[in-house]
Amino acid sequence: MTLDTAISEKRMGGASALEKRQSGCDRKDFTWHRQPAGAWALHCVGRREVILHVIPDAEHPRMCRIRAPDGRLSDMANITWARDGAIGAALRTLNRQRQEIAACRHPPIATRVHRQ
């Protein structure tokens, strides 16, 4: 890791410079809102909808799971690991969405048709 990379990651709360460029947001742009029954909702600045939830596990006390918008659940983890994992998953999701939008706006040069 170079000094520039270390400084860049420190400024962005651990997110790499590549994650920052691709997603348009970093770890500091996420906020947690407490929900009923001990759950947490992850929000991103500039977006209205909840990105992910961290919910307590039904069988194992003091353990949590990440719940995706489609209802899928992650493996169990303690609250700290679950919240960190949720932010990482949200950054990956936002990166993918941004890349797909950019690909639609700017198709690769090889696929463009040039007429003379």
Protein backbone atom coordinates (compact mmCIF):
# COMPACT_ATOMS: atom_id res chain seq x y z
CA MET A 1 0.00 0.00 0.00
CA THR A 2 1.41 3.36 -0.97
CA LEU A 3 1.31 6.40 1.25
CA ASP A 4 -1.23 8.08 -1.07
CA THR A 5 -3.52 5.03 -0.87
CA ALA A 6 -3.26 4.93 2.93
CA ILE A 7 -4.10 8.63 3.21
CA SER A 8 -6.98 8.25 0.75
CA GLU A 9 -8.43 5.29 2.67
CA LYS A 10 -8.08 7.11 5.98
CA ARG A 11 -9.98 10.13 4.64
CA MET A 12 -12.79 7.95 3.33
CA GLY A 13 -13.37 5.83 6.43
CA GLY A 14 -11.64 2.74 5.01
CA ALA A 15 -13.26 2.79 1.58
CA SER A 16 -10.75 2.61 -1.24
CA ALA A 17 -10.39 5.44 -3.73
CA LEU A 18 -11.86 3.15 -6.39
CA GLU A 19 -15.01 2.58 -4.28
CA LYS A 20 -15.34 6.36 -3.79
CA ARG A 21 -15.05 7.12 -7.52
CA GLN A 22 -17.45 4.40 -8.62
CA SER A 23 -20.21 4.77 -6.06
CA GLY A 24 -20.17 8.50 -5.58
CA CYS A 25 -20.45 7.95 -1.84
CA ASP A 26 -18.29 6.60 0.94
CA ARG A 27 -18.77 5.17 4.42
CA LYS A 28 -19.37 8.62 5.90
CA ASP A 29 -22.46 9.04 3.70
CA PHE A 30 -24.30 6.19 5.43
CA THR A 31 -26.44 6.63 8.53
CA TRP A 32 -28.08 4.11 10.82
CA HIS A 33 -31.64 4.51 12.13
CA ARG A 34 -32.89 2.41 15.02
CA GLN A 35 -35.99 0.35 14.20
CA PRO A 36 -38.44 -1.51 16.47
CA ALA A 37 -37.39 -4.84 17.97
CA GLY A 38 -33.67 -4.04 17.91
CA ALA A 39 -33.26 -3.76 14.14
CA TRP A 40 -31.19 -1.10 12.35
CA ALA A 41 -31.90 0.48 8.95
CA LEU A 42 -29.03 1.65 6.73
CA HIS A 43 -29.66 4.87 4.77
CA CYS A 44 -27.46 6.70 2.28
CA VAL A 45 -27.41 10.48 1.97
CA GLY A 46 -29.49 11.59 -1.01
CA ARG A 47 -31.63 8.41 -1.14
CA ARG A 48 -35.04 8.04 0.43
CA GLU A 49 -35.25 4.25 0.64
CA VAL A 50 -33.60 1.98 3.19
CA ILE A 51 -30.64 0.22 1.57
CA LEU A 52 -30.29 -2.72 4.01
CA HIS A 53 -31.44 -3.78 7.47
CA VAL A 54 -29.46 -5.39 10.26
CA ILE A 55 -31.83 -7.49 12.34
CA PRO A 56 -31.36 -9.56 15.50
CA ASP A 57 -31.24 -13.33 14.97
CA ALA A 58 -34.38 -15.12 16.16
CA GLU A 59 -32.58 -18.05 17.81
CA HIS A 60 -29.20 -16.73 18.95
CA PRO A 61 -29.15 -13.75 21.33
CA ARG A 62 -26.61 -10.99 20.62
CA MET A 63 -26.21 -12.16 17.02
CA CYS A 64 -27.50 -10.33 13.94
CA ARG A 65 -28.09 -10.85 10.24
CA ILE A 66 -28.15 -8.50 7.26
CA ARG A 67 -31.53 -8.48 5.49
CA ALA A 68 -31.48 -7.43 1.84
CA PRO A 69 -34.46 -5.60 0.28
CA ASP A 70 -35.53 -8.86 -1.43
CA GLY A 71 -35.70 -10.64 1.97
CA ARG A 72 -32.48 -12.68 1.76
CA LEU A 73 -30.57 -13.05 5.04
CA SER A 74 -26.83 -13.17 5.59
CA ASP A 75 -24.91 -15.47 7.88
CA MET A 76 -24.90 -14.55 11.57
CA ALA A 77 -22.46 -12.01 12.96
CA ASN A 78 -22.21 -9.76 15.98
CA ILE A 79 -23.67 -6.26 15.58
CA THR A 80 -20.33 -4.62 14.75
CA TRP A 81 -19.46 -7.09 11.99
CA ALA A 82 -23.02 -7.08 10.64
CA ARG A 83 -23.13 -3.29 10.37
CA ASP A 84 -19.70 -3.18 8.72
CA GLY A 85 -20.76 -5.93 6.29
CA ALA A 86 -23.96 -4.06 5.47
CA ILE A 87 -22.03 -0.92 4.54
CA GLY A 88 -19.65 -2.95 2.37
CA ALA A 89 -22.57 -4.65 0.62
CA ALA A 90 -24.29 -1.28 0.10
CA LEU A 91 -21.14 0.19 -1.47
CA ARG A 92 -20.89 -2.79 -3.84
CA THR A 93 -24.57 -2.44 -4.79
CA LEU A 94 -24.25 1.29 -5.42
CA ASN A 95 -21.06 0.71 -7.44
CA ARG A 96 -22.82 -1.86 -9.63
CA GLN A 97 -25.83 0.42 -10.20
CA ARG A 98 -23.62 3.34 -11.16
CA GLN A 99 -21.56 1.20 -13.56
CA GLU A 100 -24.72 -0.12 -15.24
CA ILE A 101 -26.08 3.41 -15.71
CA ALA A 102 -22.75 4.60 -17.10
CA ALA A 103 -22.61 1.64 -19.49
CA CYS A 104 -26.06 2.49 -20.85
CA ARG A 105 -25.14 6.13 -21.41
CA HIS A 106 -21.74 5.44 -22.95
CA PRO A 107 -21.57 2.12 -24.81
CA PRO A 108 -18.08 0.83 -25.64
CA ILE A 109 -16.59 2.35 -28.78
CA ALA A 110 -16.42 -1.05 -30.50
CA THR A 111 -20.23 -1.38 -30.43
CA ARG A 112 -20.95 2.05 -31.85
CA VAL A 113 -21.95 2.14 -35.51
CA HIS A 114 -20.21 4.74 -37.64
CA ARG A 115 -21.93 5.60 -40.89
CA GLN A 116 -20.19 7.41 -43.68
